[in-house]
Amino acid sequence: HTLSDPGSPALVGMRIDGDAVTVKSGQCPQDRVR
């Protein structure tokens, strides 16, 4: 459980399109960002 549930999700990627910044965070399918 400890190894499969890291303390904070790793930042997978970031994209900048003009003024818009989009971040993709890695997480399990059942998890939700709060």
PDB file of all heavy atoms in Angstrom:
ATOM      1  N   HIS A   1       0.835  -1.209   0.000  1.00  0.00           N
ATOM      2  CA  HIS A   1       0.000   0.000   0.000  1.00  0.00           C
ATOM      3  C   HIS A   1       0.866   1.253   0.000  1.00  0.00           C
ATOM      4  O   HIS A   1       0.592   2.201  -0.727  1.00  0.00           O
ATOM      5  CB  HIS A   1      -0.929   0.002   1.215  1.00  0.00           C
ATOM      6  CG  HIS A   1      -1.743   1.240   1.320  1.00  0.00           C
ATOM      7  ND1 HIS A   1      -2.794   1.503   0.470  1.00  0.00           N
ATOM      8  CD2 HIS A   1      -1.649   2.300   2.149  1.00  0.00           C
ATOM      9  CE1 HIS A   1      -3.315   2.670   0.786  1.00  0.00           C
ATOM     10  NE2 HIS A   1      -2.648   3.171   1.799  1.00  0.00           N
ATOM     11  N   THR A   2       1.907   1.274   0.796  1.00  0.00           N
ATOM     12  CA  THR A   2       2.789   2.442   0.879  1.00  0.00           C
ATOM     13  C   THR A   2       3.493   2.697  -0.445  1.00  0.00           C
ATOM     14  O   THR A   2       3.573   3.840  -0.896  1.00  0.00           O
ATOM     15  CB  THR A   2       3.833   2.241   1.991  1.00  0.00           C
ATOM     16  OG1 THR A   2       3.149   2.043   3.228  1.00  0.00           O
ATOM     17  CG2 THR A   2       4.735   3.444   2.116  1.00  0.00           C
ATOM     18  N   LEU A   3       4.001   1.642  -1.068  1.00  0.00           N
ATOM     19  CA  LEU A   3       4.741   1.825  -2.310  1.00  0.00           C
ATOM     20  C   LEU A   3       3.820   2.139  -3.486  1.00  0.00           C
ATOM     21  O   LEU A   3       4.230   2.807  -4.428  1.00  0.00           O
ATOM     22  CB  LEU A   3       5.567   0.574  -2.619  1.00  0.00           C
ATOM     23  CG  LEU A   3       6.696   0.301  -1.627  1.00  0.00           C
ATOM     24  CD1 LEU A   3       7.363  -1.025  -1.963  1.00  0.00           C
ATOM     25  CD2 LEU A   3       7.714   1.418  -1.611  1.00  0.00           C
ATOM     26  N   SER A   4       2.557   1.680  -3.439  1.00  0.00           N
ATOM     27  CA  SER A   4       1.667   1.935  -4.558  1.00  0.00           C
ATOM     28  C   SER A   4       0.894   3.246  -4.401  1.00  0.00           C
ATOM     29  O   SER A   4       0.194   3.662  -5.304  1.00  0.00           O
ATOM     30  CB  SER A   4       0.661   0.797  -4.711  1.00  0.00           C
ATOM     31  OG  SER A   4      -0.204   0.764  -3.598  1.00  0.00           O
ATOM     32  N   ASP A   5       1.010   3.892  -3.251  1.00  0.00           N
ATOM     33  CA  ASP A   5       0.291   5.137  -3.001  1.00  0.00           C
ATOM     34  C   ASP A   5       1.296   6.214  -2.611  1.00  0.00           C
ATOM     35  O   ASP A   5       1.500   6.473  -1.431  1.00  0.00           O
ATOM     36  CB  ASP A   5      -0.734   4.921  -1.887  1.00  0.00           C
ATOM     37  CG  ASP A   5      -1.610   6.133  -1.680  1.00  0.00           C
ATOM     38  OD1 ASP A   5      -1.745   6.934  -2.628  1.00  0.00           O
ATOM     39  OD2 ASP A   5      -2.162   6.281  -0.579  1.00  0.00           O
ATOM     40  N   PRO A   6       1.961   6.835  -3.586  1.00  0.00           N
ATOM     41  CA  PRO A   6       2.977   7.835  -3.249  1.00  0.00           C
ATOM     42  C   PRO A   6       2.356   9.031  -2.543  1.00  0.00           C
ATOM     43  O   PRO A   6       1.174   9.322  -2.706  1.00  0.00           O
ATOM     44  CB  PRO A   6       3.567   8.236  -4.607  1.00  0.00           C
ATOM     45  CG  PRO A   6       2.497   7.898  -5.583  1.00  0.00           C
ATOM     46  CD  PRO A   6       1.748   6.720  -5.014  1.00  0.00           C
ATOM     47  N   GLY A   7       3.176   9.738  -1.769  1.00  0.00           N
ATOM     48  CA  GLY A   7       2.704  10.890  -1.014  1.00  0.00           C
ATOM     49  C   GLY A   7       2.159  11.987  -1.886  1.00  0.00           C
ATOM     50  O   GLY A   7       1.199  12.656  -1.561  1.00  0.00           O
ATOM     51  N   SER A   8       2.748  12.207  -3.024  1.00  0.00           N
ATOM     52  CA  SER A   8       2.243  13.217  -3.948  1.00  0.00           C
ATOM     53  C   SER A   8       2.419  12.691  -5.373  1.00  0.00           C
ATOM     54  O   SER A   8       3.405  12.038  -5.675  1.00  0.00           O
ATOM     55  CB  SER A   8       3.024  14.522  -3.776  1.00  0.00           C
ATOM     56  OG  SER A   8       4.379  14.326  -4.060  1.00  0.00           O
ATOM     57  N   PRO A   9       1.454  12.969  -6.229  1.00  0.00           N
ATOM     58  CA  PRO A   9       1.573  12.452  -7.592  1.00  0.00           C
ATOM     59  C   PRO A   9       2.712  13.140  -8.340  1.00  0.00           C
ATOM     60  O   PRO A   9       2.978  14.320  -8.137  1.00  0.00           O
ATOM     61  CB  PRO A   9       0.225  12.790  -8.228  1.00  0.00           C
ATOM     62  CG  PRO A   9      -0.328  13.879  -7.399  1.00  0.00           C
ATOM     63  CD  PRO A   9       0.237  13.718  -6.019  1.00  0.00           C
ATOM     64  N   ALA A  10       3.384  12.383  -9.161  1.00  0.00           N
ATOM     65  CA  ALA A  10       4.482  12.939  -9.952  1.00  0.00           C
ATOM     66  C   ALA A  10       3.912  13.787 -11.080  1.00  0.00           C
ATOM     67  O   ALA A  10       2.882  13.468 -11.663  1.00  0.00           O
ATOM     68  CB  ALA A  10       5.329  11.809 -10.529  1.00  0.00           C
ATOM     69  N   LEU A  11       4.568  14.870 -11.384  1.00  0.00           N
ATOM     70  CA  LEU A  11       4.157  15.731 -12.489  1.00  0.00           C
ATOM     71  C   LEU A  11       4.595  15.064 -13.781  1.00  0.00           C
ATOM     72  O   LEU A  11       5.783  14.857 -14.020  1.00  0.00           O
ATOM     73  CB  LEU A  11       4.804  17.108 -12.350  1.00  0.00           C
ATOM     74  CG  LEU A  11       4.397  18.149 -13.379  1.00  0.00           C
ATOM     75  CD1 LEU A  11       2.902  18.430 -13.258  1.00  0.00           C
ATOM     76  CD2 LEU A  11       5.187  19.416 -13.173  1.00  0.00           C
ATOM     77  N   VAL A  12       3.639  14.681 -14.610  1.00  0.00           N
ATOM     78  CA  VAL A  12       3.947  13.971 -15.843  1.00  0.00           C
ATOM     79  C   VAL A  12       4.258  14.938 -16.968  1.00  0.00           C
ATOM     80  O   VAL A  12       5.178  14.734 -17.727  1.00  0.00           O
ATOM     81  CB  VAL A  12       2.778  13.038 -16.235  1.00  0.00           C
ATOM     82  CG1 VAL A  12       3.032  12.402 -17.588  1.00  0.00           C
ATOM     83  CG2 VAL A  12       2.594  11.974 -15.180  1.00  0.00           C
ATOM     84  N   GLY A  13       3.504  16.030 -17.061  1.00  0.00           N
ATOM     85  CA  GLY A  13       3.770  16.934 -18.165  1.00  0.00           C
ATOM     86  C   GLY A  13       3.076  18.271 -18.012  1.00  0.00           C
ATOM     87  O   GLY A  13       2.130  18.421 -17.256  1.00  0.00           O
ATOM     88  N   MET A  14       3.586  19.256 -18.776  1.00  0.00           N
ATOM     89  CA  MET A  14       3.027  20.594 -18.766  1.00  0.00           C
ATOM     90  C   MET A  14       3.079  21.121 -20.191  1.00  0.00           C
ATOM     91  O   MET A  14       4.044  20.890 -20.915  1.00  0.00           O
ATOM     92  CB  MET A  14       3.849  21.487 -17.843  1.00  0.00           C
ATOM     93  CG  MET A  14       3.308  22.886 -17.724  1.00  0.00           C
ATOM     94  SD  MET A  14       4.218  23.809 -16.507  1.00  0.00           S
ATOM     95  CE  MET A  14       5.394  24.630 -17.549  1.00  0.00           C
ATOM     96  N   ARG A  15       2.026  21.822 -20.591  1.00  0.00           N
ATOM     97  CA  ARG A  15       1.969  22.354 -21.951  1.00  0.00           C
ATOM     98  C   ARG A  15       1.528  23.812 -21.886  1.00  0.00           C
ATOM     99  O   ARG A  15       0.584  24.156 -21.171  1.00  0.00           O
ATOM    100  CB  ARG A  15       0.969  21.535 -22.760  1.00  0.00           C
ATOM    101  CG  ARG A  15       0.828  21.972 -24.169  1.00  0.00           C
ATOM    102  CD  ARG A  15      -0.114  21.040 -24.864  1.00  0.00           C
ATOM    103  NE  ARG A  15      -0.410  21.509 -26.183  1.00  0.00           N
ATOM    104  CZ  ARG A  15      -1.071  20.829 -27.064  1.00  0.00           C
ATOM    105  NH1 ARG A  15      -1.522  19.631 -26.759  1.00  0.00           N
ATOM    106  NH2 ARG A  15      -1.307  21.318 -28.244  1.00  0.00           N
ATOM    107  N   ILE A  16       2.207  24.669 -22.662  1.00  0.00           N
ATOM    108  CA  ILE A  16       1.863  26.085 -22.709  1.00  0.00           C
ATOM    109  C   ILE A  16       1.432  26.425 -24.131  1.00  0.00           C
ATOM    110  O   ILE A  16       2.212  26.269 -25.071  1.00  0.00           O
ATOM    111  CB  ILE A  16       3.052  26.964 -22.283  1.00  0.00           C
ATOM    112  CG1 ILE A  16       3.476  26.608 -20.865  1.00  0.00           C
ATOM    113  CG2 ILE A  16       2.705  28.435 -22.403  1.00  0.00           C
ATOM    114  CD1 ILE A  16       4.746  27.303 -20.412  1.00  0.00           C
ATOM    115  N   ASP A  17       0.175  26.863 -24.307  1.00  0.00           N
ATOM    116  CA  ASP A  17      -0.371  27.302 -25.591  1.00  0.00           C
ATOM    117  C   ASP A  17      -0.796  28.756 -25.432  1.00  0.00           C
ATOM    118  O   ASP A  17      -1.898  29.032 -24.943  1.00  0.00           O
ATOM    119  CB  ASP A  17      -1.592  26.465 -26.002  1.00  0.00           C
ATOM    120  CG  ASP A  17      -1.200  25.052 -26.409  1.00  0.00           C
ATOM    121  OD1 ASP A  17      -0.127  24.903 -27.019  1.00  0.00           O
ATOM    122  OD2 ASP A  17      -1.967  24.125 -26.115  1.00  0.00           O
ATOM    123  N   GLY A  18       0.065  29.690 -25.823  1.00  0.00           N
ATOM    124  CA  GLY A  18      -0.239  31.112 -25.648  1.00  0.00           C
ATOM    125  C   GLY A  18      -0.315  31.456 -24.179  1.00  0.00           C
ATOM    126  O   GLY A  18       0.648  31.321 -23.442  1.00  0.00           O
ATOM    127  N   ASP A  19      -1.510  31.850 -23.714  1.00  0.00           N
ATOM    128  CA  ASP A  19      -1.706  32.179 -22.306  1.00  0.00           C
ATOM    129  C   ASP A  19      -2.204  30.998 -21.485  1.00  0.00           C
ATOM    130  O   ASP A  19      -2.292  31.090 -20.265  1.00  0.00           O
ATOM    131  CB  ASP A  19      -2.716  33.324 -22.171  1.00  0.00           C
ATOM    132  CG  ASP A  19      -2.150  34.639 -22.680  1.00  0.00           C
ATOM    133  OD1 ASP A  19      -0.912  34.745 -22.767  1.00  0.00           O
ATOM    134  OD2 ASP A  19      -2.953  35.541 -23.001  1.00  0.00           O
ATOM    135  N   ALA A  20      -2.545  29.908 -22.146  1.00  0.00           N
ATOM    136  CA  ALA A  20      -3.103  28.752 -21.442  1.00  0.00           C
ATOM    137  C   ALA A  20      -1.999  27.783 -21.039  1.00  0.00           C
ATOM    138  O   ALA A  20      -1.157  27.402 -21.848  1.00  0.00           O
ATOM    139  CB  ALA A  20      -4.114  28.037 -22.331  1.00  0.00           C
ATOM    140  N   VAL A  21      -2.023  27.384 -19.775  1.00  0.00           N
ATOM    141  CA  VAL A  21      -1.081  26.388 -19.253  1.00  0.00           C
ATOM    142  C   VAL A  21      -1.905  25.173 -18.844  1.00  0.00           C
ATOM    143  O   VAL A  21      -2.864  25.289 -18.082  1.00  0.00           O
ATOM    144  CB  VAL A  21      -0.307  26.931 -18.030  1.00  0.00           C
ATOM    145  CG1 VAL A  21       0.594  25.862 -17.461  1.00  0.00           C
ATOM    146  CG2 VAL A  21       0.475  28.169 -18.396  1.00  0.00           C
ATOM    147  N   THR A  22      -1.535  24.003 -19.365  1.00  0.00           N
ATOM    148  CA  THR A  22      -2.230  22.759 -19.030  1.00  0.00           C
ATOM    149  C   THR A  22      -1.233  21.799 -18.419  1.00  0.00           C
ATOM    150  O   THR A  22      -0.134  21.615 -18.924  1.00  0.00           O
ATOM    151  CB  THR A  22      -2.859  22.124 -20.296  1.00  0.00           C
ATOM    152  OG1 THR A  22      -3.700  23.080 -20.913  1.00  0.00           O
ATOM    153  CG2 THR A  22      -3.672  20.901 -19.939  1.00  0.00           C
ATOM    154  N   VAL A  23      -1.640  21.195 -17.311  1.00  0.00           N
ATOM    155  CA  VAL A  23      -0.790  20.248 -16.591  1.00  0.00           C
ATOM    156  C   VAL A  23      -1.484  18.895 -16.592  1.00  0.00           C
ATOM    157  O   VAL A  23      -2.692  18.806 -16.376  1.00  0.00           O
ATOM    158  CB  VAL A  23      -0.562  20.715 -15.137  1.00  0.00           C
ATOM    159  CG1 VAL A  23       0.232  19.693 -14.357  1.00  0.00           C
ATOM    160  CG2 VAL A  23       0.144  22.058 -15.117  1.00  0.00           C
ATOM    161  N   LYS A  24      -0.719  17.844 -16.836  1.00  0.00           N
ATOM    162  CA  LYS A  24      -1.233  16.476 -16.765  1.00  0.00           C
ATOM    163  C   LYS A  24      -0.536  15.797 -15.607  1.00  0.00           C
ATOM    164  O   LYS A  24       0.683  15.686 -15.570  1.00  0.00           O
ATOM    165  CB  LYS A  24      -0.937  15.740 -18.074  1.00  0.00           C
ATOM    166  CG  LYS A  24      -1.264  14.263 -18.049  1.00  0.00           C
ATOM    167  CD  LYS A  24      -2.747  14.016 -17.948  1.00  0.00           C
ATOM    168  CE  LYS A  24      -3.023  12.533 -18.020  1.00  0.00           C
ATOM    169  NZ  LYS A  24      -4.314  12.172 -17.530  1.00  0.00           N
ATOM    170  N   SER A  25      -1.325  15.368 -14.614  1.00  0.00           N
ATOM    171  CA  SER A  25      -0.742  14.689 -13.450  1.00  0.00           C
ATOM    172  C   SER A  25      -1.055  13.200 -13.521  1.00  0.00           C
ATOM    173  O   SER A  25      -2.152  12.812 -13.917  1.00  0.00           O
ATOM    174  CB  SER A  25      -1.293  15.283 -12.154  1.00  0.00           C
ATOM    175  OG  SER A  25      -2.658  15.000 -12.034  1.00  0.00           O
ATOM    176  N   GLY A  26      -0.100  12.399 -13.151  1.00  0.00           N
ATOM    177  CA  GLY A  26      -0.286  10.957 -13.154  1.00  0.00           C
ATOM    178  C   GLY A  26      -1.049  10.509 -11.925  1.00  0.00           C
ATOM    179  O   GLY A  26      -0.768  10.952 -10.820  1.00  0.00           O
ATOM    180  N   GLN A  27      -2.029   9.644 -12.126  1.00  0.00           N
ATOM    181  CA  GLN A  27      -2.795   9.111 -11.004  1.00  0.00           C
ATOM    182  C   GLN A  27      -3.521   7.851 -11.435  1.00  0.00           C
ATOM    183  O   GLN A  27      -3.639   7.572 -12.618  1.00  0.00           O
ATOM    184  CB  GLN A  27      -3.786  10.139 -10.485  1.00  0.00           C
ATOM    185  CG  GLN A  27      -4.813  10.556 -11.515  1.00  0.00           C
ATOM    186  CD  GLN A  27      -5.634  11.728 -11.023  1.00  0.00           C
ATOM    187  OE1 GLN A  27      -5.133  12.552 -10.294  1.00  0.00           O
ATOM    188  NE2 GLN A  27      -6.871  11.783 -11.409  1.00  0.00           N
ATOM    189  N   CYS A  28      -4.020   7.115 -10.475  1.00  0.00           N
ATOM    190  CA  CYS A  28      -4.784   5.906 -10.753  1.00  0.00           C
ATOM    191  C   CYS A  28      -6.161   6.285 -11.290  1.00  0.00           C
ATOM    192  O   CYS A  28      -6.669   7.357 -10.964  1.00  0.00           O
ATOM    193  CB  CYS A  28      -4.937   5.086  -9.475  1.00  0.00           C
ATOM    194  SG  CYS A  28      -3.363   4.474  -8.845  1.00  0.00           S
ATOM    195  N   PRO A  29      -6.792   5.424 -12.099  1.00  0.00           N
ATOM    196  CA  PRO A  29      -8.089   5.757 -12.697  1.00  0.00           C
ATOM    197  C   PRO A  29      -9.183   6.069 -11.673  1.00  0.00           C
ATOM    198  O   PRO A  29     -10.055   6.876 -11.923  1.00  0.00           O
ATOM    199  CB  PRO A  29      -8.459   4.506 -13.495  1.00  0.00           C
ATOM    200  CG  PRO A  29      -7.185   3.780 -13.706  1.00  0.00           C
ATOM    201  CD  PRO A  29      -6.280   4.137 -12.559  1.00  0.00           C
ATOM    202  N   GLN A  30      -9.153   5.438 -10.505  1.00  0.00           N
ATOM    203  CA  GLN A  30     -10.212   5.670  -9.525  1.00  0.00           C
ATOM    204  C   GLN A  30      -9.963   6.924  -8.682  1.00  0.00           C
ATOM    205  O   GLN A  30     -10.858   7.372  -7.967  1.00  0.00           O
ATOM    206  CB  GLN A  30     -10.382   4.457  -8.604  1.00  0.00           C
ATOM    207  CG  GLN A  30      -9.245   4.235  -7.641  1.00  0.00           C
ATOM    208  CD  GLN A  30      -8.109   3.398  -8.200  1.00  0.00           C
ATOM    209  OE1 GLN A  30      -8.038   3.167  -9.397  1.00  0.00           O
ATOM    210  NE2 GLN A  30      -7.223   2.946  -7.346  1.00  0.00           N
ATOM    211  N   ASP A  31      -8.779   7.517  -8.754  1.00  0.00           N
ATOM    212  CA  ASP A  31      -8.471   8.718  -7.979  1.00  0.00           C
ATOM    213  C   ASP A  31      -9.045   9.955  -8.641  1.00  0.00           C
ATOM    214  O   ASP A  31      -9.235  10.003  -9.850  1.00  0.00           O
ATOM    215  CB  ASP A  31      -6.956   8.887  -7.825  1.00  0.00           C
ATOM    216  CG  ASP A  31      -6.345   7.806  -6.944  1.00  0.00           C
ATOM    217  OD1 ASP A  31      -7.103   7.180  -6.185  1.00  0.00           O
ATOM    218  OD2 ASP A  31      -5.132   7.593  -7.028  1.00  0.00           O
ATOM    219  N   ARG A  32      -9.304  10.981  -7.841  1.00  0.00           N
ATOM    220  CA  ARG A  32      -9.819  12.246  -8.342  1.00  0.00           C
ATOM    221  C   ARG A  32      -8.996  13.389  -7.749  1.00  0.00           C
ATOM    222  O   ARG A  32      -8.586  13.334  -6.597  1.00  0.00           O
ATOM    223  CB  ARG A  32     -11.288  12.449  -7.959  1.00  0.00           C
ATOM    224  CG  ARG A  32     -12.212  11.440  -8.609  1.00  0.00           C
ATOM    225  CD  ARG A  32     -12.290  11.694 -10.105  1.00  0.00           C
ATOM    226  NE  ARG A  32     -13.123  10.728 -10.784  1.00  0.00           N
ATOM    227  CZ  ARG A  32     -12.694   9.885 -11.699  1.00  0.00           C
ATOM    228  NH1 ARG A  32     -11.436   9.868 -12.042  1.00  0.00           N
ATOM    229  NH2 ARG A  32     -13.509   9.067 -12.290  1.00  0.00           N
ATOM    230  N   VAL A  33      -8.782  14.439  -8.550  1.00  0.00           N
ATOM    231  CA  VAL A  33      -8.039  15.613  -8.109  1.00  0.00           C
ATOM    232  C   VAL A  33      -8.988  16.479  -7.284  1.00  0.00           C
ATOM    233  O   VAL A  33     -10.115  16.740  -7.690  1.00  0.00           O
ATOM    234  CB  VAL A  33      -7.507  16.414  -9.323  1.00  0.00           C
ATOM    235  CG1 VAL A  33      -6.867  17.710  -8.883  1.00  0.00           C
ATOM    236  CG2 VAL A  33      -6.520  15.565 -10.102  1.00  0.00           C
ATOM    237  N   ARG A  34      -8.519  16.920  -6.124  1.00  0.00           N
ATOM    238  CA  ARG A  34      -9.326  17.802  -5.279  1.00  0.00           C
ATOM    239  C   ARG A  34      -8.759  19.214  -5.214  1.00  0.00           C
ATOM    240  O   ARG A  34      -9.479  20.173  -5.049  1.00  0.00           O
ATOM    241  CB  ARG A  34      -9.407  17.231  -3.868  1.00  0.00           C
ATOM    242  CG  ARG A  34     -10.278  16.014  -3.812  1.00  0.00           C
ATOM    243  CD  ARG A  34     -10.471  15.543  -2.414  1.00  0.00           C
ATOM    244  NE  ARG A  34     -10.261  14.110  -2.437  1.00  0.00           N
ATOM    245  CZ  ARG A  34      -9.807  13.405  -1.449  1.00  0.00           C
ATOM    246  NH1 ARG A  34      -9.506  13.965  -0.327  1.00  0.00           N
ATOM    247  NH2 ARG A  34      -9.654  12.119  -1.568  1.00  0.00           N
TER     248      ARG A  34
END
